[in-house]
Amino acid sequence: MLQKFVDRLPVIAVIQPLMIKNKVPYYEVTMRESMQKLHRDLPPTRIWGYNGLFPGPTFHVFRRQPIRVLWRSALGEAFPSD
């Protein structure tokens, strides 16, 4: 059994807008496969993460501030589909 609470909580990256148009920040986030170590006693494992990260990036915005996000997938054949 894995020992609990042995890893530090991850510092979640804050995503920066690529541009601001008419006072509305614009972001692009890509779902991609990567390898990540999720516990000190486990080997790196394959994840599908936003910008290749788990947990994904944090959007730092003000209340009631609109934002625009382009969500992309770079999973290709890795993603099973109907």
PDB file of N, CA and C in Angstrom:
ATOM      1  N   MET A   1       0.842  -1.179   0.000  1.00  0.00           N
ATOM      2  CA  MET A   1       0.000   0.000   0.000  1.00  0.00           C
ATOM      3  C   MET A   1       0.894   1.253   0.000  1.00  0.00           C
ATOM      4  N   LEU A   2       0.464   2.259  -0.709  1.00  0.00           N
ATOM      5  CA  LEU A   2       1.241   3.499  -0.774  1.00  0.00           C
ATOM      6  C   LEU A   2       1.079   4.305   0.499  1.00  0.00           C
ATOM      7  N   GLN A   3       2.171   4.888   0.948  1.00  0.00           N
ATOM      8  CA  GLN A   3       2.122   5.755   2.123  1.00  0.00           C
ATOM      9  C   GLN A   3       1.477   7.083   1.733  1.00  0.00           C
ATOM     10  N   LYS A   4       0.555   7.546   2.554  1.00  0.00           N
ATOM     11  CA  LYS A   4      -0.169   8.782   2.267  1.00  0.00           C
ATOM     12  C   LYS A   4       0.635  10.009   2.690  1.00  0.00           C
ATOM     13  N   PHE A   5       0.364  11.110   2.038  1.00  0.00           N
ATOM     14  CA  PHE A   5       0.851  12.444   2.411  1.00  0.00           C
ATOM     15  C   PHE A   5       2.380  12.545   2.451  1.00  0.00           C
ATOM     16  N   VAL A   6       3.048  11.876   1.511  1.00  0.00           N
ATOM     17  CA  VAL A   6       4.512  11.934   1.481  1.00  0.00           C
ATOM     18  C   VAL A   6       5.030  12.901   0.422  1.00  0.00           C
ATOM     19  N   ASP A   7       4.165  13.268  -0.508  1.00  0.00           N
ATOM     20  CA  ASP A   7       4.563  14.188  -1.575  1.00  0.00           C
ATOM     21  C   ASP A   7       4.020  15.580  -1.299  1.00  0.00           C
ATOM     22  N   ARG A   8       4.799  16.573  -1.646  1.00  0.00           N
ATOM     23  CA  ARG A   8       4.306  17.954  -1.540  1.00  0.00           C
ATOM     24  C   ARG A   8       3.177  18.169  -2.526  1.00  0.00           C
ATOM     25  N   LEU A   9       2.251  19.047  -2.175  1.00  0.00           N
ATOM     26  CA  LEU A   9       1.203  19.418  -3.117  1.00  0.00           C
ATOM     27  C   LEU A   9       1.851  20.129  -4.299  1.00  0.00           C
ATOM     28  N   PRO A  10       1.393  19.837  -5.500  1.00  0.00           N
ATOM     29  CA  PRO A  10       2.007  20.492  -6.652  1.00  0.00           C
ATOM     30  C   PRO A  10       1.693  21.985  -6.674  1.00  0.00           C
ATOM     31  N   VAL A  11       2.660  22.752  -7.120  1.00  0.00           N
ATOM     32  CA  VAL A  11       2.444  24.177  -7.341  1.00  0.00           C
ATOM     33  C   VAL A  11       1.838  24.297  -8.730  1.00  0.00           C
ATOM     34  N   ILE A  12       0.608  24.751  -8.769  1.00  0.00           N
ATOM     35  CA  ILE A  12      -0.117  24.793 -10.033  1.00  0.00           C
ATOM     36  C   ILE A  12       0.272  26.062 -10.792  1.00  0.00           C
ATOM     37  N   ALA A  13       0.726  25.864 -12.014  1.00  0.00           N
ATOM     38  CA  ALA A  13       1.155  26.984 -12.839  1.00  0.00           C
ATOM     39  C   ALA A  13      -0.030  27.878 -13.196  1.00  0.00           C
ATOM     40  N   VAL A  14       0.221  29.180 -13.233  1.00  0.00           N
ATOM     41  CA  VAL A  14      -0.789  30.148 -13.660  1.00  0.00           C
ATOM     42  C   VAL A  14      -0.554  30.413 -15.137  1.00  0.00           C
ATOM     43  N   ILE A  15      -1.589  30.186 -15.927  1.00  0.00           N
ATOM     44  CA  ILE A  15      -1.475  30.411 -17.366  1.00  0.00           C
ATOM     45  C   ILE A  15      -1.601  31.914 -17.653  1.00  0.00           C
ATOM     46  N   GLN A  16      -0.809  32.365 -18.598  1.00  0.00           N
ATOM     47  CA  GLN A  16      -0.836  33.774 -18.986  1.00  0.00           C
ATOM     48  C   GLN A  16      -1.593  33.917 -20.308  1.00  0.00           C
ATOM     49  N   PRO A  17      -2.363  34.977 -20.467  1.00  0.00           N
ATOM     50  CA  PRO A  17      -3.058  35.164 -21.741  1.00  0.00           C
ATOM     51  C   PRO A  17      -2.057  35.421 -22.868  1.00  0.00           C
ATOM     52  N   LEU A  18      -2.415  34.932 -24.051  1.00  0.00           N
ATOM     53  CA  LEU A  18      -1.568  35.184 -25.214  1.00  0.00           C
ATOM     54  C   LEU A  18      -1.746  36.599 -25.727  1.00  0.00           C
ATOM     55  N   MET A  19      -2.936  37.144 -25.488  1.00  0.00           N
ATOM     56  CA  MET A  19      -3.209  38.529 -25.873  1.00  0.00           C
ATOM     57  C   MET A  19      -4.442  39.011 -25.114  1.00  0.00           C
ATOM     58  N   ILE A  20      -4.652  40.289 -25.146  1.00  0.00           N
ATOM     59  CA  ILE A  20      -5.860  40.890 -24.582  1.00  0.00           C
ATOM     60  C   ILE A  20      -6.464  41.757 -25.677  1.00  0.00           C
ATOM     61  N   LYS A  21      -7.707  41.427 -26.039  1.00  0.00           N
ATOM     62  CA  LYS A  21      -8.378  42.161 -27.107  1.00  0.00           C
ATOM     63  C   LYS A  21      -9.684  42.699 -26.541  1.00  0.00           C
ATOM     64  N   ASN A  22      -9.881  44.005 -26.641  1.00  0.00           N
ATOM     65  CA  ASN A  22     -11.071  44.662 -26.086  1.00  0.00           C
ATOM     66  C   ASN A  22     -11.247  44.332 -24.603  1.00  0.00           C
ATOM     67  N   LYS A  23     -10.133  44.312 -23.891  1.00  0.00           N
ATOM     68  CA  LYS A  23     -10.094  44.046 -22.449  1.00  0.00           C
ATOM     69  C   LYS A  23     -10.470  42.612 -22.076  1.00  0.00           C
ATOM     70  N   VAL A  24     -10.469  41.701 -23.045  1.00  0.00           N
ATOM     71  CA  VAL A  24     -10.799  40.301 -22.789  1.00  0.00           C
ATOM     72  C   VAL A  24      -9.543  39.453 -23.018  1.00  0.00           C
ATOM     73  N   PRO A  25      -9.031  38.811 -21.959  1.00  0.00           N
ATOM     74  CA  PRO A  25      -7.854  37.958 -22.125  1.00  0.00           C
ATOM     75  C   PRO A  25      -8.170  36.727 -22.977  1.00  0.00           C
ATOM     76  N   TYR A  26      -7.211  36.341 -23.806  1.00  0.00           N
ATOM     77  CA  TYR A  26      -7.349  35.185 -24.688  1.00  0.00           C
ATOM     78  C   TYR A  26      -6.278  34.156 -24.342  1.00  0.00           C
ATOM     79  N   TYR A  27      -6.717  32.908 -24.135  1.00  0.00           N
ATOM     80  CA  TYR A  27      -5.833  31.812 -23.752  1.00  0.00           C
ATOM     81  C   TYR A  27      -5.969  30.674 -24.757  1.00  0.00           C
ATOM     82  N   GLU A  28      -4.941  29.856 -24.846  1.00  0.00           N
ATOM     83  CA  GLU A  28      -5.007  28.602 -25.580  1.00  0.00           C
ATOM     84  C   GLU A  28      -4.497  27.501 -24.666  1.00  0.00           C
ATOM     85  N   VAL A  29      -5.279  26.413 -24.586  1.00  0.00           N
ATOM     86  CA  VAL A  29      -4.926  25.274 -23.740  1.00  0.00           C
ATOM     87  C   VAL A  29      -5.017  24.022 -24.599  1.00  0.00           C
ATOM     88  N   THR A  30      -3.980  23.203 -24.543  1.00  0.00           N
ATOM     89  CA  THR A  30      -3.926  21.991 -25.359  1.00  0.00           C
ATOM     90  C   THR A  30      -3.871  20.760 -24.473  1.00  0.00           C
ATOM     91  N   MET A  31      -4.779  19.822 -24.727  1.00  0.00           N
ATOM     92  CA  MET A  31      -4.743  18.534 -24.049  1.00  0.00           C
ATOM     93  C   MET A  31      -3.693  17.688 -24.756  1.00  0.00           C
ATOM     94  N   ARG A  32      -2.678  17.249 -23.985  1.00  0.00           N
ATOM     95  CA  ARG A  32      -1.626  16.433 -24.586  1.00  0.00           C
ATOM     96  C   ARG A  32      -1.183  15.342 -23.622  1.00  0.00           C
ATOM     97  N   GLU A  33      -0.651  14.317 -24.201  1.00  0.00           N
ATOM     98  CA  GLU A  33      -0.136  13.201 -23.425  1.00  0.00           C
ATOM     99  C   GLU A  33       1.259  13.538 -22.919  1.00  0.00           C
ATOM    100  N   SER A  34       1.549  13.133 -21.689  1.00  0.00           N
ATOM    101  CA  SER A  34       2.890  13.305 -21.142  1.00  0.00           C
ATOM    102  C   SER A  34       3.095  12.276 -20.032  1.00  0.00           C
ATOM    103  N   MET A  35       4.284  12.237 -19.521  1.00  0.00           N
ATOM    104  CA  MET A  35       4.610  11.346 -18.404  1.00  0.00           C
ATOM    105  C   MET A  35       4.776  12.206 -17.159  1.00  0.00           C
ATOM    106  N   GLN A  36       4.211  11.739 -16.048  1.00  0.00           N
ATOM    107  CA  GLN A  36       4.296  12.516 -14.816  1.00  0.00           C
ATOM    108  C   GLN A  36       4.364  11.571 -13.625  1.00  0.00           C
ATOM    109  N   LYS A  37       5.169  11.935 -12.666  1.00  0.00           N
ATOM    110  CA  LYS A  37       5.299  11.160 -11.438  1.00  0.00           C
ATOM    111  C   LYS A  37       4.232  11.664 -10.464  1.00  0.00           C
ATOM    112  N   LEU A  38       3.326  10.758 -10.058  1.00  0.00           N
ATOM    113  CA  LEU A  38       2.198  11.144  -9.215  1.00  0.00           C
ATOM    114  C   LEU A  38       2.385  10.771  -7.749  1.00  0.00           C
ATOM    115  N   HIS A  39       3.383   9.948  -7.445  1.00  0.00           N
ATOM    116  CA  HIS A  39       3.682   9.548  -6.062  1.00  0.00           C
ATOM    117  C   HIS A  39       5.140   9.137  -6.024  1.00  0.00           C
ATOM    118  N   ARG A  40       5.805   9.435  -4.927  1.00  0.00           N
ATOM    119  CA  ARG A  40       7.248   9.179  -4.848  1.00  0.00           C
ATOM    120  C   ARG A  40       7.612   7.711  -5.046  1.00  0.00           C
ATOM    121  N   ASP A  41       6.705   6.795  -4.699  1.00  0.00           N
ATOM    122  CA  ASP A  41       7.004   5.373  -4.786  1.00  0.00           C
ATOM    123  C   ASP A  41       6.505   4.725  -6.079  1.00  0.00           C
ATOM    124  N   LEU A  42       6.017   5.523  -6.998  1.00  0.00           N
ATOM    125  CA  LEU A  42       5.536   4.999  -8.270  1.00  0.00           C
ATOM    126  C   LEU A  42       6.390   5.550  -9.405  1.00  0.00           C
ATOM    127  N   PRO A  43       6.528   4.788 -10.486  1.00  0.00           N
ATOM    128  CA  PRO A  43       7.251   5.319 -11.635  1.00  0.00           C
ATOM    129  C   PRO A  43       6.381   6.360 -12.341  1.00  0.00           C
ATOM    130  N   PRO A  44       6.967   7.159 -13.204  1.00  0.00           N
ATOM    131  CA  PRO A  44       6.154   8.095 -13.975  1.00  0.00           C
ATOM    132  C   PRO A  44       5.079   7.321 -14.748  1.00  0.00           C
ATOM    133  N   THR A  45       3.924   7.941 -14.873  1.00  0.00           N
ATOM    134  CA  THR A  45       2.806   7.317 -15.561  1.00  0.00           C
ATOM    135  C   THR A  45       2.314   8.224 -16.680  1.00  0.00           C
ATOM    136  N   ARG A  46       1.690   7.616 -17.658  1.00  0.00           N
ATOM    137  CA  ARG A  46       1.161   8.387 -18.785  1.00  0.00           C
ATOM    138  C   ARG A  46      -0.109   9.105 -18.339  1.00  0.00           C
ATOM    139  N   ILE A  47      -0.168  10.388 -18.621  1.00  0.00           N
ATOM    140  CA  ILE A  47      -1.366  11.179 -18.309  1.00  0.00           C
ATOM    141  C   ILE A  47      -1.803  11.927 -19.559  1.00  0.00           C
ATOM    142  N   TRP A  48      -3.041  12.332 -19.555  1.00  0.00           N
ATOM    143  CA  TRP A  48      -3.552  13.280 -20.532  1.00  0.00           C
ATOM    144  C   TRP A  48      -3.842  14.542 -19.746  1.00  0.00           C
ATOM    145  N   GLY A  49      -3.043  15.563 -19.955  1.00  0.00           N
ATOM    146  CA  GLY A  49      -3.173  16.768 -19.155  1.00  0.00           C
ATOM    147  C   GLY A  49      -3.315  18.012 -19.998  1.00  0.00           C
ATOM    148  N   TYR A  50      -3.908  19.023 -19.392  1.00  0.00           N
ATOM    149  CA  TYR A  50      -4.032  20.315 -20.051  1.00  0.00           C
ATOM    150  C   TYR A  50      -2.661  20.968 -20.086  1.00  0.00           C
ATOM    151  N   ASN A  51      -2.197  21.261 -21.281  1.00  0.00           N
ATOM    152  CA  ASN A  51      -0.820  21.715 -21.527  1.00  0.00           C
ATOM    153  C   ASN A  51       0.176  20.686 -21.014  1.00  0.00           C
ATOM    154  N   GLY A  52      -0.257  19.420 -21.003  1.00  0.00           N
ATOM    155  CA  GLY A  52       0.607  18.324 -20.584  1.00  0.00           C
ATOM    156  C   GLY A  52       0.806  18.233 -19.089  1.00  0.00           C
ATOM    157  N   LEU A  53      -0.025  18.923 -18.302  1.00  0.00           N
ATOM    158  CA  LEU A  53       0.148  18.972 -16.848  1.00  0.00           C
ATOM    159  C   LEU A  53      -1.068  18.436 -16.121  1.00  0.00           C
ATOM    160  N   PHE A  54      -0.816  17.850 -14.965  1.00  0.00           N
ATOM    161  CA  PHE A  54      -1.881  17.483 -14.041  1.00  0.00           C
ATOM    162  C   PHE A  54      -1.451  17.942 -12.662  1.00  0.00           C
ATOM    163  N   PRO A  55      -2.243  18.709 -11.959  1.00  0.00           N
ATOM    164  CA  PRO A  55      -3.456  19.334 -12.477  1.00  0.00           C
ATOM    165  C   PRO A  55      -3.111  20.390 -13.523  1.00  0.00           C
ATOM    166  N   GLY A  56      -4.078  20.747 -14.310  1.00  0.00           N
ATOM    167  CA  GLY A  56      -3.858  21.725 -15.381  1.00  0.00           C
ATOM    168  C   GLY A  56      -3.587  23.116 -14.839  1.00  0.00           C
ATOM    169  N   PRO A  57      -3.374  24.075 -15.724  1.00  0.00           N
ATOM    170  CA  PRO A  57      -3.037  25.428 -15.297  1.00  0.00           C
ATOM    171  C   PRO A  57      -4.204  26.142 -14.611  1.00  0.00           C
ATOM    172  N   THR A  58      -3.863  27.141 -13.836  1.00  0.00           N
ATOM    173  CA  THR A  58      -4.842  27.979 -13.144  1.00  0.00           C
ATOM    174  C   THR A  58      -5.064  29.255 -13.945  1.00  0.00           C
ATOM    175  N   PHE A  59      -6.326  29.610 -14.106  1.00  0.00           N
ATOM    176  CA  PHE A  59      -6.673  30.881 -14.733  1.00  0.00           C
ATOM    177  C   PHE A  59      -6.877  31.886 -13.618  1.00  0.00           C
ATOM    178  N   HIS A  60      -6.076  32.923 -13.602  1.00  0.00           N
ATOM    179  CA  HIS A  60      -6.203  33.961 -12.583  1.00  0.00           C
ATOM    180  C   HIS A  60      -6.939  35.145 -13.199  1.00  0.00           C
ATOM    181  N   VAL A  61      -8.227  35.259 -12.885  1.00  0.00           N
ATOM    182  CA  VAL A  61      -9.050  36.325 -13.450  1.00  0.00           C
ATOM    183  C   VAL A  61      -9.887  36.945 -12.339  1.00  0.00           C
ATOM    184  N   PHE A  62     -10.436  38.090 -12.626  1.00  0.00           N
ATOM    185  CA  PHE A  62     -11.296  38.771 -11.668  1.00  0.00           C
ATOM    186  C   PHE A  62     -12.748  38.351 -11.864  1.00  0.00           C
ATOM    187  N   ARG A  63     -13.493  38.403 -10.797  1.00  0.00           N
ATOM    188  CA  ARG A  63     -14.910  38.049 -10.850  1.00  0.00           C
ATOM    189  C   ARG A  63     -15.610  38.854 -11.933  1.00  0.00           C
ATOM    190  N   ARG A  64     -16.469  38.189 -12.660  1.00  0.00           N
ATOM    191  CA  ARG A  64     -17.278  38.761 -13.744  1.00  0.00           C
ATOM    192  C   ARG A  64     -16.447  39.236 -14.938  1.00  0.00           C
ATOM    193  N   GLN A  65     -15.179  38.914 -14.969  1.00  0.00           N
ATOM    194  CA  GLN A  65     -14.344  39.275 -16.110  1.00  0.00           C
ATOM    195  C   GLN A  65     -14.463  38.175 -17.162  1.00  0.00           C
ATOM    196  N   PRO A  66     -14.925  38.511 -18.355  1.00  0.00           N
ATOM    197  CA  PRO A  66     -14.995  37.482 -19.393  1.00  0.00           C
ATOM    198  C   PRO A  66     -13.590  37.103 -19.863  1.00  0.00           C
ATOM    199  N   ILE A  67     -13.444  35.856 -20.281  1.00  0.00           N
ATOM    200  CA  ILE A  67     -12.209  35.395 -20.897  1.00  0.00           C
ATOM    201  C   ILE A  67     -12.585  34.558 -22.113  1.00  0.00           C
ATOM    202  N   ARG A  68     -11.625  34.381 -22.995  1.00  0.00           N
ATOM    203  CA  ARG A  68     -11.813  33.495 -24.149  1.00  0.00           C
ATOM    204  C   ARG A  68     -10.720  32.435 -24.071  1.00  0.00           C
ATOM    205  N   VAL A  69     -11.131  31.179 -24.270  1.00  0.00           N
ATOM    206  CA  VAL A  69     -10.177  30.076 -24.235  1.00  0.00           C
ATOM    207  C   VAL A  69     -10.385  29.207 -25.459  1.00  0.00           C
ATOM    208  N   LEU A  70      -9.307  28.956 -26.179  1.00  0.00           N
ATOM    209  CA  LEU A  70      -9.333  27.987 -27.266  1.00  0.00           C
ATOM    210  C   LEU A  70      -8.816  26.675 -26.702  1.00  0.00           C
ATOM    211  N   TRP A  71      -9.683  25.657 -26.645  1.00  0.00           N
ATOM    212  CA  TRP A  71      -9.324  24.334 -26.135  1.00  0.00           C
ATOM    213  C   TRP A  71      -8.931  23.467 -27.325  1.00  0.00           C
ATOM    214  N   ARG A  72      -7.733  22.924 -27.297  1.00  0.00           N
ATOM    215  CA  ARG A  72      -7.243  22.086 -28.397  1.00  0.00           C
ATOM    216  C   ARG A  72      -6.942  20.683 -27.882  1.00  0.00           C
ATOM    217  N   SER A  73      -6.952  19.744 -28.788  1.00  0.00           N
ATOM    218  CA  SER A  73      -6.542  18.383 -28.462  1.00  0.00           C
ATOM    219  C   SER A  73      -5.350  18.005 -29.332  1.00  0.00           C
ATOM    220  N   ALA A  74      -4.284  17.557 -28.688  1.00  0.00           N
ATOM    221  CA  ALA A  74      -3.128  17.021 -29.386  1.00  0.00           C
ATOM    222  C   ALA A  74      -2.992  15.533 -29.086  1.00  0.00           C
ATOM    223  N   LEU A  75      -4.106  14.902 -28.720  1.00  0.00           N
ATOM    224  CA  LEU A  75      -4.064  13.487 -28.381  1.00  0.00           C
ATOM    225  C   LEU A  75      -4.014  12.599 -29.611  1.00  0.00           C
ATOM    226  N   GLY A  76      -4.556  13.077 -30.707  1.00  0.00           N
ATOM    227  CA  GLY A  76      -4.501  12.311 -31.956  1.00  0.00           C
ATOM    228  C   GLY A  76      -5.073  10.917 -31.779  1.00  0.00           C
ATOM    229  N   GLU A  77      -4.323   9.915 -32.187  1.00  0.00           N
ATOM    230  CA  GLU A  77      -4.763   8.522 -32.107  1.00  0.00           C
ATOM    231  C   GLU A  77      -4.745   7.989 -30.680  1.00  0.00           C
ATOM    232  N   ALA A  78      -4.133   8.693 -29.745  1.00  0.00           N
ATOM    233  CA  ALA A  78      -4.099   8.227 -28.354  1.00  0.00           C
ATOM    234  C   ALA A  78      -5.469   8.265 -27.723  1.00  0.00           C
ATOM    235  N   PHE A  79      -6.347   9.116 -28.262  1.00  0.00           N
ATOM    236  CA  PHE A  79      -7.681   9.284 -27.694  1.00  0.00           C
ATOM    237  C   PHE A  79      -8.647   8.345 -28.396  1.00  0.00           C
ATOM    238  N   PRO A  80      -9.225   7.381 -27.661  1.00  0.00           N
ATOM    239  CA  PRO A  80     -10.187   6.495 -28.314  1.00  0.00           C
ATOM    240  C   PRO A  80     -11.479   7.245 -28.627  1.00  0.00           C
ATOM    241  N   SER A  81     -11.957   7.073 -29.826  1.00  0.00           N
ATOM    242  CA  SER A  81     -13.193   7.763 -30.218  1.00  0.00           C
ATOM    243  C   SER A  81     -14.111   6.782 -30.935  1.00  0.00           C
ATOM    244  N   ASP A  82     -15.374   7.147 -31.010  1.00  0.00           N
ATOM    245  CA  ASP A  82     -16.368   6.291 -31.685  1.00  0.00           C
ATOM    246  C   ASP A  82     -16.225   6.388 -33.187  1.00  0.00           C
TER     247      ASP A  82
END
